[in-house]
Amino acid sequence: MGELQIVKRSKIVRVTQHFLEMCWHFHAIFLALLALIILGAGAIAMYENIPLGEAIYFSFITGMTIGYGDIVPHTTVGRVVSVALGFVGILFTGLVVAVMVRAVQETWKELGKPE
């Protein structure tokens, strides 16, 4: 294996280590956001009268802002919960991106490179 490949691999390993360490620092927030998505799924299942499995699928697809449209809320409560799930998903995505940026910054600092 070439020296360049070893350097690249070690950078990826360090970024991954920093990412996982930071995820651990924010694990309570990650778990709270996941809990909100699951609670939203329960509300969707109850108000839209669909199986819980489909409601969980809908909640995660909505939270990831994909929204295939194969399951659509028909009640006002279901629509409000869907919008809330979208916001929770945006917060979750933003947190993951922020943690990754910080992990890259920490790795650069470790290697002695400017931010």
PDB file of N, CA and C in Angstrom:
ATOM      1  N   MET A   1       0.851  -1.181   0.000  1.00  0.00           N
ATOM      2  CA  MET A   1       0.000   0.000   0.000  1.00  0.00           C
ATOM      3  C   MET A   1       0.889   1.235   0.000  1.00  0.00           C
ATOM      4  N   GLY A   2       0.555   2.188  -0.866  1.00  0.00           N
ATOM      5  CA  GLY A   2       1.360   3.392  -0.978  1.00  0.00           C
ATOM      6  C   GLY A   2       1.218   4.295   0.228  1.00  0.00           C
ATOM      7  N   GLU A   3       2.220   5.167   0.399  1.00  0.00           N
ATOM      8  CA  GLU A   3       2.210   6.085   1.542  1.00  0.00           C
ATOM      9  C   GLU A   3       1.024   7.039   1.487  1.00  0.00           C
ATOM     10  N   LEU A   4       0.657   7.480   0.278  1.00  0.00           N
ATOM     11  CA  LEU A   4      -0.478   8.389   0.118  1.00  0.00           C
ATOM     12  C   LEU A   4      -1.773   7.722   0.562  1.00  0.00           C
ATOM     13  N   GLN A   5      -1.948   6.443   0.217  1.00  0.00           N
ATOM     14  CA  GLN A   5      -3.149   5.712   0.628  1.00  0.00           C
ATOM     15  C   GLN A   5      -3.205   5.570   2.142  1.00  0.00           C
ATOM     16  N   ILE A   6      -2.068   5.341   2.774  1.00  0.00           N
ATOM     17  CA  ILE A   6      -2.029   5.214   4.231  1.00  0.00           C
ATOM     18  C   ILE A   6      -2.416   6.544   4.873  1.00  0.00           C
ATOM     19  N   VAL A   7      -1.894   7.655   4.350  1.00  0.00           N
ATOM     20  CA  VAL A   7      -2.228   8.976   4.890  1.00  0.00           C
ATOM     21  C   VAL A   7      -3.713   9.258   4.724  1.00  0.00           C
ATOM     22  N   LYS A   8      -4.267   8.980   3.537  1.00  0.00           N
ATOM     23  CA  LYS A   8      -5.689   9.202   3.306  1.00  0.00           C
ATOM     24  C   LYS A   8      -6.524   8.351   4.239  1.00  0.00           C
ATOM     25  N   ARG A   9      -6.154   7.086   4.381  1.00  0.00           N
ATOM     26  CA  ARG A   9      -6.921   6.197   5.247  1.00  0.00           C
ATOM     27  C   ARG A   9      -6.856   6.671   6.689  1.00  0.00           C
ATOM     28  N   SER A  10      -5.702   7.113   7.144  1.00  0.00           N
ATOM     29  CA  SER A  10      -5.603   7.552   8.534  1.00  0.00           C
ATOM     30  C   SER A  10      -6.441   8.808   8.767  1.00  0.00           C
ATOM     31  N   LYS A  11      -6.538   9.691   7.760  1.00  0.00           N
ATOM     32  CA  LYS A  11      -7.386  10.877   7.901  1.00  0.00           C
ATOM     33  C   LYS A  11      -8.850  10.471   8.020  1.00  0.00           C
ATOM     34  N   ILE A  12      -9.252   9.529   7.188  1.00  0.00           N
ATOM     35  CA  ILE A  12     -10.643   9.066   7.232  1.00  0.00           C
ATOM     36  C   ILE A  12     -10.931   8.412   8.573  1.00  0.00           C
ATOM     37  N   VAL A  13      -9.989   7.637   9.063  1.00  0.00           N
ATOM     38  CA  VAL A  13     -10.167   6.980  10.364  1.00  0.00           C
ATOM     39  C   VAL A  13     -10.287   8.021  11.466  1.00  0.00           C
ATOM     40  N   ARG A  14      -9.428   9.048  11.441  1.00  0.00           N
ATOM     41  CA  ARG A  14      -9.474  10.089  12.475  1.00  0.00           C
ATOM     42  C   ARG A  14     -10.783  10.883  12.412  1.00  0.00           C
ATOM     43  N   VAL A  15     -11.223  11.237  11.198  1.00  0.00           N
ATOM     44  CA  VAL A  15     -12.494  11.963  11.066  1.00  0.00           C
ATOM     45  C   VAL A  15     -13.626  11.101  11.615  1.00  0.00           C
ATOM     46  N   THR A  16     -13.612   9.816  11.285  1.00  0.00           N
ATOM     47  CA  THR A  16     -14.653   8.904  11.780  1.00  0.00           C
ATOM     48  C   THR A  16     -14.615   8.818  13.297  1.00  0.00           C
ATOM     49  N   GLN A  17     -13.418   8.728  13.869  1.00  0.00           N
ATOM     50  CA  GLN A  17     -13.302   8.675  15.330  1.00  0.00           C
ATOM     51  C   GLN A  17     -13.844   9.941  15.977  1.00  0.00           C
ATOM     52  N   HIS A  18     -13.479  11.088  15.423  1.00  0.00           N
ATOM     53  CA  HIS A  18     -13.984  12.356  15.968  1.00  0.00           C
ATOM     54  C   HIS A  18     -15.507  12.438  15.810  1.00  0.00           C
ATOM     55  N   PHE A  19     -16.010  11.995  14.668  1.00  0.00           N
ATOM     56  CA  PHE A  19     -17.452  12.020  14.431  1.00  0.00           C
ATOM     57  C   PHE A  19     -18.183  11.180  15.474  1.00  0.00           C
ATOM     58  N   LEU A  20     -17.695   9.971  15.707  1.00  0.00           N
ATOM     59  CA  LEU A  20     -18.352   9.091  16.681  1.00  0.00           C
ATOM     60  C   LEU A  20     -18.243   9.631  18.103  1.00  0.00           C
ATOM     61  N   GLU A  21     -17.096  10.238  18.437  1.00  0.00           N
ATOM     62  CA  GLU A  21     -16.945  10.846  19.762  1.00  0.00           C
ATOM     63  C   GLU A  21     -17.954  11.977  19.948  1.00  0.00           C
ATOM     64  N   MET A  22     -18.099  12.804  18.933  1.00  0.00           N
ATOM     65  CA  MET A  22     -19.044  13.925  19.036  1.00  0.00           C
ATOM     66  C   MET A  22     -20.485  13.439  19.051  1.00  0.00           C
ATOM     67  N   CYS A  23     -20.754  12.388  18.294  1.00  0.00           N
ATOM     68  CA  CYS A  23     -22.105  11.807  18.341  1.00  0.00           C
ATOM     69  C   CYS A  23     -22.423  11.353  19.757  1.00  0.00           C
ATOM     70  N   TRP A  24     -21.406  10.816  20.437  1.00  0.00           N
ATOM     71  CA  TRP A  24     -21.636  10.380  21.816  1.00  0.00           C
ATOM     72  C   TRP A  24     -21.951  11.577  22.712  1.00  0.00           C
ATOM     73  N   HIS A  25     -21.289  12.701  22.474  1.00  0.00           N
ATOM     74  CA  HIS A  25     -21.561  13.905  23.277  1.00  0.00           C
ATOM     75  C   HIS A  25     -22.993  14.405  23.067  1.00  0.00           C
ATOM     76  N   PHE A  26     -23.511  14.202  21.872  1.00  0.00           N
ATOM     77  CA  PHE A  26     -24.846  14.689  21.542  1.00  0.00           C
ATOM     78  C   PHE A  26     -25.881  13.563  21.487  1.00  0.00           C
ATOM     79  N   HIS A  27     -25.547  12.416  22.055  1.00  0.00           N
ATOM     80  CA  HIS A  27     -26.454  11.267  21.921  1.00  0.00           C
ATOM     81  C   HIS A  27     -27.833  11.527  22.519  1.00  0.00           C
ATOM     82  N   ALA A  28     -27.900  12.319  23.565  1.00  0.00           N
ATOM     83  CA  ALA A  28     -29.206  12.608  24.169  1.00  0.00           C
ATOM     84  C   ALA A  28     -30.093  13.385  23.191  1.00  0.00           C
ATOM     85  N   ILE A  29     -29.492  14.308  22.457  1.00  0.00           N
ATOM     86  CA  ILE A  29     -30.267  15.075  21.479  1.00  0.00           C
ATOM     87  C   ILE A  29     -30.698  14.177  20.329  1.00  0.00           C
ATOM     88  N   PHE A  30     -29.768  13.347  19.841  1.00  0.00           N
ATOM     89  CA  PHE A  30     -30.121  12.410  18.774  1.00  0.00           C
ATOM     90  C   PHE A  30     -31.278  11.500  19.204  1.00  0.00           C
ATOM     91  N   LEU A  31     -31.189  10.976  20.412  1.00  0.00           N
ATOM     92  CA  LEU A  31     -32.243  10.087  20.903  1.00  0.00           C
ATOM     93  C   LEU A  31     -33.564  10.828  21.071  1.00  0.00           C
ATOM     94  N   ALA A  32     -33.514  12.066  21.530  1.00  0.00           N
ATOM     95  CA  ALA A  32     -34.747  12.848  21.688  1.00  0.00           C
ATOM     96  C   ALA A  32     -35.401  13.093  20.325  1.00  0.00           C
ATOM     97  N   LEU A  33     -34.607  13.409  19.315  1.00  0.00           N
ATOM     98  CA  LEU A  33     -35.160  13.632  17.982  1.00  0.00           C
ATOM     99  C   LEU A  33     -35.746  12.343  17.408  1.00  0.00           C
ATOM    100  N   LEU A  34     -35.054  11.226  17.620  1.00  0.00           N
ATOM    101  CA  LEU A  34     -35.602   9.936  17.175  1.00  0.00           C
ATOM    102  C   LEU A  34     -36.894   9.610  17.913  1.00  0.00           C
ATOM    103  N   ALA A  35     -36.940   9.925  19.205  1.00  0.00           N
ATOM    104  CA  ALA A  35     -38.159   9.687  19.981  1.00  0.00           C
ATOM    105  C   ALA A  35     -39.316  10.530  19.443  1.00  0.00           C
ATOM    106  N   LEU A  36     -39.021  11.770  19.057  1.00  0.00           N
ATOM    107  CA  LEU A  36     -40.067  12.615  18.482  1.00  0.00           C
ATOM    108  C   LEU A  36     -40.595  12.039  17.169  1.00  0.00           C
ATOM    109  N   ILE A  37     -39.706  11.471  16.372  1.00  0.00           N
ATOM    110  CA  ILE A  37     -40.145  10.847  15.123  1.00  0.00           C
ATOM    111  C   ILE A  37     -41.037   9.636  15.418  1.00  0.00           C
ATOM    112  N   ILE A  38     -40.663   8.841  16.403  1.00  0.00           N
ATOM    113  CA  ILE A  38     -41.469   7.661  16.771  1.00  0.00           C
ATOM    114  C   ILE A  38     -42.809   8.102  17.361  1.00  0.00           C
ATOM    115  N   LEU A  39     -42.797   9.130  18.208  1.00  0.00           N
ATOM    116  CA  LEU A  39     -44.059   9.642  18.758  1.00  0.00           C
ATOM    117  C   LEU A  39     -44.945  10.190  17.649  1.00  0.00           C
ATOM    118  N   GLY A  40     -44.330  10.871  16.691  1.00  0.00           N
ATOM    119  CA  GLY A  40     -45.083  11.364  15.538  1.00  0.00           C
ATOM    120  C   GLY A  40     -45.698  10.214  14.762  1.00  0.00           C
ATOM    121  N   ALA A  41     -44.959   9.127  14.648  1.00  0.00           N
ATOM    122  CA  ALA A  41     -45.489   7.938  13.965  1.00  0.00           C
ATOM    123  C   ALA A  41     -46.707   7.400  14.703  1.00  0.00           C
ATOM    124  N   GLY A  42     -46.643   7.394  16.029  1.00  0.00           N
ATOM    125  CA  GLY A  42     -47.797   6.941  16.804  1.00  0.00           C
ATOM    126  C   GLY A  42     -49.011   7.818  16.577  1.00  0.00           C
ATOM    127  N   ALA A  43     -48.784   9.127  16.531  1.00  0.00           N
ATOM    128  CA  ALA A  43     -49.891  10.050  16.283  1.00  0.00           C
ATOM    129  C   ALA A  43     -50.453   9.857  14.879  1.00  0.00           C
ATOM    130  N   ILE A  44     -49.584   9.682  13.908  1.00  0.00           N
ATOM    131  CA  ILE A  44     -50.036   9.456  12.529  1.00  0.00           C
ATOM    132  C   ILE A  44     -50.840   8.172  12.447  1.00  0.00           C
ATOM    133  N   ALA A  45     -50.345   7.119  13.087  1.00  0.00           N
ATOM    134  CA  ALA A  45     -51.062   5.832  13.058  1.00  0.00           C
ATOM    135  C   ALA A  45     -52.450   5.978  13.668  1.00  0.00           C
ATOM    136  N   MET A  46     -52.534   6.712  14.763  1.00  0.00           N
ATOM    137  CA  MET A  46     -53.803   6.858  15.461  1.00  0.00           C
ATOM    138  C   MET A  46     -54.783   7.739  14.673  1.00  0.00           C
ATOM    139  N   TYR A  47     -54.331   8.901  14.228  1.00  0.00           N
ATOM    140  CA  TYR A  47     -55.249   9.838  13.583  1.00  0.00           C
ATOM    141  C   TYR A  47     -55.538   9.502  12.118  1.00  0.00           C
ATOM    142  N   GLU A  48     -54.593   8.862  11.457  1.00  0.00           N
ATOM    143  CA  GLU A  48     -54.800   8.511  10.047  1.00  0.00           C
ATOM    144  C   GLU A  48     -55.319   7.085   9.878  1.00  0.00           C
ATOM    145  N   ASN A  49     -55.401   6.363  10.998  1.00  0.00           N
ATOM    146  CA  ASN A  49     -55.921   4.992  10.996  1.00  0.00           C
ATOM    147  C   ASN A  49     -55.149   4.089  10.020  1.00  0.00           C
ATOM    148  N   ILE A  50     -53.813   4.113  10.173  1.00  0.00           N
ATOM    149  CA  ILE A  50     -52.966   3.231   9.373  1.00  0.00           C
ATOM    150  C   ILE A  50     -52.125   2.382  10.321  1.00  0.00           C
ATOM    151  N   PRO A  51     -51.598   1.253   9.857  1.00  0.00           N
ATOM    152  CA  PRO A  51     -50.762   0.414  10.725  1.00  0.00           C
ATOM    153  C   PRO A  51     -49.516   1.161  11.210  1.00  0.00           C
ATOM    154  N   LEU A  52     -49.062   0.808  12.406  1.00  0.00           N
ATOM    155  CA  LEU A  52     -47.917   1.490  13.010  1.00  0.00           C
ATOM    156  C   LEU A  52     -46.669   1.373  12.134  1.00  0.00           C
ATOM    157  N   GLY A  53     -46.454   0.225  11.513  1.00  0.00           N
ATOM    158  CA  GLY A  53     -45.288   0.057  10.647  1.00  0.00           C
ATOM    159  C   GLY A  53     -45.278   1.049   9.498  1.00  0.00           C
ATOM    160  N   GLU A  54     -46.438   1.237   8.884  1.00  0.00           N
ATOM    161  CA  GLU A  54     -46.534   2.217   7.797  1.00  0.00           C
ATOM    162  C   GLU A  54     -46.356   3.638   8.321  1.00  0.00           C
ATOM    163  N   ALA A  55     -46.858   3.887   9.514  1.00  0.00           N
ATOM    164  CA  ALA A  55     -46.722   5.219  10.107  1.00  0.00           C
ATOM    165  C   ALA A  55     -45.254   5.513  10.437  1.00  0.00           C
ATOM    166  N   ILE A  56     -44.515   4.522  10.912  1.00  0.00           N
ATOM    167  CA  ILE A  56     -43.087   4.715  11.190  1.00  0.00           C
ATOM    168  C   ILE A  56     -42.345   4.994   9.884  1.00  0.00           C
ATOM    169  N   TYR A  57     -42.659   4.205   8.861  1.00  0.00           N
ATOM    170  CA  TYR A  57     -42.068   4.437   7.540  1.00  0.00           C
ATOM    171  C   TYR A  57     -42.368   5.861   7.070  1.00  0.00           C
ATOM    172  N   PHE A  58     -43.619   6.265   7.161  1.00  0.00           N
ATOM    173  CA  PHE A  58     -44.028   7.611   6.745  1.00  0.00           C
ATOM    174  C   PHE A  58     -43.267   8.676   7.535  1.00  0.00           C
ATOM    175  N   SER A  59     -43.136   8.463   8.843  1.00  0.00           N
ATOM    176  CA  SER A  59     -42.472   9.455   9.696  1.00  0.00           C
ATOM    177  C   SER A  59     -41.008   9.631   9.323  1.00  0.00           C
ATOM    178  N   PHE A  60     -40.308   8.541   9.071  1.00  0.00           N
ATOM    179  CA  PHE A  60     -38.899   8.657   8.710  1.00  0.00           C
ATOM    180  C   PHE A  60     -38.720   9.239   7.308  1.00  0.00           C
ATOM    181  N   ILE A  61     -39.577   8.850   6.374  1.00  0.00           N
ATOM    182  CA  ILE A  61     -39.501   9.407   5.022  1.00  0.00           C
ATOM    183  C   ILE A  61     -39.799  10.906   5.056  1.00  0.00           C
ATOM    184  N   THR A  62     -40.749  11.306   5.870  1.00  0.00           N
ATOM    185  CA  THR A  62     -41.065  12.726   6.016  1.00  0.00           C
ATOM    186  C   THR A  62     -39.935  13.451   6.732  1.00  0.00           C
ATOM    187  N   GLY A  63     -39.403  12.836   7.795  1.00  0.00           N
ATOM    188  CA  GLY A  63     -38.299  13.446   8.540  1.00  0.00           C
ATOM    189  C   GLY A  63     -37.050  13.626   7.709  1.00  0.00           C
ATOM    190  N   MET A  64     -36.831  12.729   6.773  1.00  0.00           N
ATOM    191  CA  MET A  64     -35.668  12.862   5.885  1.00  0.00           C
ATOM    192  C   MET A  64     -35.969  13.800   4.721  1.00  0.00           C
ATOM    193  N   THR A  65     -37.155  14.361   4.711  1.00  0.00           N
ATOM    194  CA  THR A  65     -37.649  15.281   3.682  1.00  0.00           C
ATOM    195  C   THR A  65     -37.628  14.666   2.286  1.00  0.00           C
ATOM    196  N   ILE A  66     -37.831  13.357   2.217  1.00  0.00           N
ATOM    197  CA  ILE A  66     -37.929  12.667   0.931  1.00  0.00           C
ATOM    198  C   ILE A  66     -39.362  12.774   0.430  1.00  0.00           C
ATOM    199  N   GLY A  67     -40.319  12.324   1.243  1.00  0.00           N
ATOM    200  CA  GLY A  67     -41.731  12.445   0.922  1.00  0.00           C
ATOM    201  C   GLY A  67     -42.131  11.814  -0.394  1.00  0.00           C
ATOM    202  N   TYR A  68     -42.137  10.498  -0.469  1.00  0.00           N
ATOM    203  CA  TYR A  68     -42.506   9.802  -1.698  1.00  0.00           C
ATOM    204  C   TYR A  68     -43.938  10.080  -2.137  1.00  0.00           C
ATOM    205  N   GLY A  69     -44.837  10.305  -1.178  1.00  0.00           N
ATOM    206  CA  GLY A  69     -46.231  10.556  -1.522  1.00  0.00           C
ATOM    207  C   GLY A  69     -47.084   9.307  -1.580  1.00  0.00           C
ATOM    208  N   ASP A  70     -46.495   8.151  -1.228  1.00  0.00           N
ATOM    209  CA  ASP A  70     -47.293   6.927  -1.232  1.00  0.00           C
ATOM    210  C   ASP A  70     -48.232   6.846  -0.037  1.00  0.00           C
ATOM    211  N   ILE A  71     -47.900   7.529   1.036  1.00  0.00           N
ATOM    212  CA  ILE A  71     -48.787   7.657   2.194  1.00  0.00           C
ATOM    213  C   ILE A  71     -48.987   9.151   2.403  1.00  0.00           C
ATOM    214  N   VAL A  72     -50.241   9.566   2.448  1.00  0.00           N
ATOM    215  CA  VAL A  72     -50.560  10.988   2.552  1.00  0.00           C
ATOM    216  C   VAL A  72     -51.524  11.194   3.713  1.00  0.00           C
ATOM    217  N   PRO A  73     -51.245  12.153   4.612  1.00  0.00           N
ATOM    218  CA  PRO A  73     -52.187  12.429   5.696  1.00  0.00           C
ATOM    219  C   PRO A  73     -53.448  13.109   5.159  1.00  0.00           C
ATOM    220  N   HIS A  74     -54.592  12.683   5.687  1.00  0.00           N
ATOM    221  CA  HIS A  74     -55.868  13.235   5.240  1.00  0.00           C
ATOM    222  C   HIS A  74     -56.536  14.105   6.295  1.00  0.00           C
ATOM    223  N   THR A  75     -56.133  13.946   7.546  1.00  0.00           N
ATOM    224  CA  THR A  75     -56.743  14.731   8.617  1.00  0.00           C
ATOM    225  C   THR A  75     -55.885  15.963   8.908  1.00  0.00           C
ATOM    226  N   THR A  76     -56.490  16.941   9.527  1.00  0.00           N
ATOM    227  CA  THR A  76     -55.759  18.162   9.886  1.00  0.00           C
ATOM    228  C   THR A  76     -54.654  17.850  10.888  1.00  0.00           C
ATOM    229  N   VAL A  77     -54.968  17.016  11.869  1.00  0.00           N
ATOM    230  CA  VAL A  77     -53.960  16.644  12.872  1.00  0.00           C
ATOM    231  C   VAL A  77     -52.805  15.920  12.192  1.00  0.00           C
ATOM    232  N   GLY A  78     -53.120  15.016  11.279  1.00  0.00           N
ATOM    233  CA  GLY A  78     -52.079  14.287  10.560  1.00  0.00           C
ATOM    234  C   GLY A  78     -51.179  15.211   9.765  1.00  0.00           C
ATOM    235  N   ARG A  79     -51.757  16.221   9.161  1.00  0.00           N
ATOM    236  CA  ARG A  79     -50.970  17.179   8.381  1.00  0.00           C
ATOM    237  C   ARG A  79     -50.077  18.036   9.281  1.00  0.00           C
ATOM    238  N   VAL A  80     -50.612  18.444  10.421  1.00  0.00           N
ATOM    239  CA  VAL A  80     -49.812  19.233  11.367  1.00  0.00           C
ATOM    240  C   VAL A  80     -48.652  18.395  11.897  1.00  0.00           C
ATOM    241  N   VAL A  81     -48.913  17.144  12.237  1.00  0.00           N
ATOM    242  CA  VAL A  81     -47.853  16.248  12.716  1.00  0.00           C
ATOM    243  C   VAL A  81     -46.811  16.044  11.616  1.00  0.00           C
ATOM    244  N   SER A  82     -47.248  15.938  10.380  1.00  0.00           N
ATOM    245  CA  SER A  82     -46.315  15.759   9.258  1.00  0.00           C
ATOM    246  C   SER A  82     -45.369  16.953   9.117  1.00  0.00           C
ATOM    247  N   VAL A  83     -45.908  18.144   9.254  1.00  0.00           N
ATOM    248  CA  VAL A  83     -45.072  19.346   9.185  1.00  0.00           C
ATOM    249  C   VAL A  83     -44.072  19.344  10.342  1.00  0.00           C
ATOM    250  N   ALA A  84     -44.542  18.983  11.532  1.00  0.00           N
ATOM    251  CA  ALA A  84     -43.649  18.914  12.693  1.00  0.00           C
ATOM    252  C   ALA A  84     -42.550  17.870  12.460  1.00  0.00           C
ATOM    253  N   LEU A  85     -42.911  16.739  11.859  1.00  0.00           N
ATOM    254  CA  LEU A  85     -41.910  15.707  11.553  1.00  0.00           C
ATOM    255  C   LEU A  85     -40.866  16.239  10.567  1.00  0.00           C
ATOM    256  N   GLY A  86     -41.302  17.039   9.629  1.00  0.00           N
ATOM    257  CA  GLY A  86     -40.363  17.647   8.693  1.00  0.00           C
ATOM    258  C   GLY A  86     -39.364  18.542   9.403  1.00  0.00           C
ATOM    259  N   PHE A  87     -39.841  19.350  10.351  1.00  0.00           N
ATOM    260  CA  PHE A  87     -38.948  20.215  11.124  1.00  0.00           C
ATOM    261  C   PHE A  87     -37.978  19.403  11.973  1.00  0.00           C
ATOM    262  N   VAL A  88     -38.469  18.344  12.597  1.00  0.00           N
ATOM    263  CA  VAL A  88     -37.603  17.478  13.397  1.00  0.00           C
ATOM    264  C   VAL A  88     -36.527  16.866  12.503  1.00  0.00           C
ATOM    265  N   GLY A  89     -36.917  16.448  11.314  1.00  0.00           N
ATOM    266  CA  GLY A  89     -35.949  15.878  10.383  1.00  0.00           C
ATOM    267  C   GLY A  89     -34.886  16.874   9.964  1.00  0.00           C
ATOM    268  N   ILE A  90     -35.289  18.127   9.760  1.00  0.00           N
ATOM    269  CA  ILE A  90     -34.320  19.164   9.410  1.00  0.00           C
ATOM    270  C   ILE A  90     -33.350  19.393  10.561  1.00  0.00           C
ATOM    271  N   LEU A  91     -33.855  19.408  11.789  1.00  0.00           N
ATOM    272  CA  LEU A  91     -32.977  19.553  12.958  1.00  0.00           C
ATOM    273  C   LEU A  91     -31.996  18.388  13.048  1.00  0.00           C
ATOM    274  N   PHE A  92     -32.489  17.178  12.818  1.00  0.00           N
ATOM    275  CA  PHE A  92     -31.649  15.983  12.886  1.00  0.00           C
ATOM    276  C   PHE A  92     -30.540  16.067  11.828  1.00  0.00           C
ATOM    277  N   THR A  93     -30.917  16.414  10.604  1.00  0.00           N
ATOM    278  CA  THR A  93     -29.941  16.523   9.522  1.00  0.00           C
ATOM    279  C   THR A  93     -28.919  17.619   9.818  1.00  0.00           C
ATOM    280  N   GLY A  94     -29.393  18.743  10.300  1.00  0.00           N
ATOM    281  CA  GLY A  94     -28.486  19.837  10.653  1.00  0.00           C
ATOM    282  C   GLY A  94     -27.505  19.443  11.732  1.00  0.00           C
ATOM    283  N   LEU A  95     -27.957  18.688  12.711  1.00  0.00           N
ATOM    284  CA  LEU A  95     -27.077  18.244  13.783  1.00  0.00           C
ATOM    285  C   LEU A  95     -26.015  17.292  13.252  1.00  0.00           C
ATOM    286  N   VAL A  96     -26.404  16.368  12.388  1.00  0.00           N
ATOM    287  CA  VAL A  96     -25.430  15.437  11.806  1.00  0.00           C
ATOM    288  C   VAL A  96     -24.380  16.208  10.999  1.00  0.00           C
ATOM    289  N   VAL A  97     -24.812  17.173  10.210  1.00  0.00           N
ATOM    290  CA  VAL A  97     -23.876  17.966   9.406  1.00  0.00           C
ATOM    291  C   VAL A  97     -22.951  18.770  10.318  1.00  0.00           C
ATOM    292  N   ALA A  98     -23.494  19.385  11.355  1.00  0.00           N
ATOM    293  CA  ALA A  98     -22.669  20.169  12.276  1.00  0.00           C
ATOM    294  C   ALA A  98     -21.630  19.303  12.974  1.00  0.00           C
ATOM    295  N   VAL A  99     -22.027  18.111  13.378  1.00  0.00           N
ATOM    296  CA  VAL A  99     -21.091  17.194  14.033  1.00  0.00           C
ATOM    297  C   VAL A  99     -19.999  16.769  13.056  1.00  0.00           C
ATOM    298  N   MET A 100     -20.369  16.519  11.807  1.00  0.00           N
ATOM    299  CA  MET A 100     -19.361  16.122  10.816  1.00  0.00           C
ATOM    300  C   MET A 100     -18.387  17.256  10.528  1.00  0.00           C
ATOM    301  N   VAL A 101     -18.884  18.479  10.414  1.00  0.00           N
ATOM    302  CA  VAL A 101     -18.001  19.628  10.191  1.00  0.00           C
ATOM    303  C   VAL A 101     -17.032  19.768  11.352  1.00  0.00           C
ATOM    304  N   ARG A 102     -17.529  19.624  12.550  1.00  0.00           N
ATOM    305  CA  ARG A 102     -16.662  19.735  13.730  1.00  0.00           C
ATOM    306  C   ARG A 102     -15.631  18.609  13.758  1.00  0.00           C
ATOM    307  N   ALA A 103     -16.015  17.415  13.342  1.00  0.00           N
ATOM    308  CA  ALA A 103     -15.073  16.291  13.300  1.00  0.00           C
ATOM    309  C   ALA A 103     -13.953  16.577  12.304  1.00  0.00           C
ATOM    310  N   VAL A 104     -14.287  17.147  11.161  1.00  0.00           N
ATOM    311  CA  VAL A 104     -13.266  17.505  10.169  1.00  0.00           C
ATOM    312  C   VAL A 104     -12.361  18.602  10.729  1.00  0.00           C
ATOM    313  N   GLN A 105     -12.945  19.593  11.400  1.00  0.00           N
ATOM    314  CA  GLN A 105     -12.140  20.652  12.006  1.00  0.00           C
ATOM    315  C   GLN A 105     -11.163  20.088  13.034  1.00  0.00           C
ATOM    316  N   GLU A 106     -11.625  19.187  13.868  1.00  0.00           N
ATOM    317  CA  GLU A 106     -10.767  18.577  14.884  1.00  0.00           C
ATOM    318  C   GLU A 106      -9.626  17.789  14.240  1.00  0.00           C
ATOM    319  N   THR A 107      -9.935  17.096  13.160  1.00  0.00           N
ATOM    320  CA  THR A 107      -8.904  16.328  12.467  1.00  0.00           C
ATOM    321  C   THR A 107      -7.863  17.265  11.862  1.00  0.00           C
ATOM    322  N   TRP A 108      -8.313  18.349  11.253  1.00  0.00           N
ATOM    323  CA  TRP A 108      -7.379  19.314  10.665  1.00  0.00           C
ATOM    324  C   TRP A 108      -6.495  19.935  11.743  1.00  0.00           C
ATOM    325  N   LYS A 109      -7.112  20.255  12.878  1.00  0.00           N
ATOM    326  CA  LYS A 109      -6.355  20.835  13.984  1.00  0.00           C
ATOM    327  C   LYS A 109      -5.294  19.850  14.482  1.00  0.00           C
ATOM    328  N   GLU A 110      -5.670  18.571  14.548  1.00  0.00           N
ATOM    329  CA  GLU A 110      -4.771  17.512  14.969  1.00  0.00           C
ATOM    330  C   GLU A 110      -3.578  17.385  14.020  1.00  0.00           C
ATOM    331  N   LEU A 111      -3.831  17.570  12.734  1.00  0.00           N
ATOM    332  CA  LEU A 111      -2.781  17.435  11.727  1.00  0.00           C
ATOM    333  C   LEU A 111      -1.954  18.718  11.559  1.00  0.00           C
ATOM    334  N   GLY A 112      -2.355  19.769  12.289  1.00  0.00           N
ATOM    335  CA  GLY A 112      -1.623  21.012  12.239  1.00  0.00           C
ATOM    336  C   GLY A 112      -1.921  21.855  11.027  1.00  0.00           C
ATOM    337  N   LYS A 113      -3.093  21.666  10.442  1.00  0.00           N
ATOM    338  CA  LYS A 113      -3.469  22.461   9.255  1.00  0.00           C
ATOM    339  C   LYS A 113      -4.405  23.572   9.692  1.00  0.00           C
ATOM    340  N   PRO A 114      -4.395  24.693   8.983  1.00  0.00           N
ATOM    341  CA  PRO A 114      -5.310  25.789   9.341  1.00  0.00           C
ATOM    342  C   PRO A 114      -6.758  25.411   9.044  1.00  0.00           C
ATOM    343  N   GLU A 115      -7.695  25.977   9.810  1.00  0.00           N
ATOM    344  CA  GLU A 115      -9.118  25.681   9.619  1.00  0.00           C
ATOM    345  C   GLU A 115      -9.661  26.368   8.468  1.00  0.00           C
TER     346      GLU A 115
END
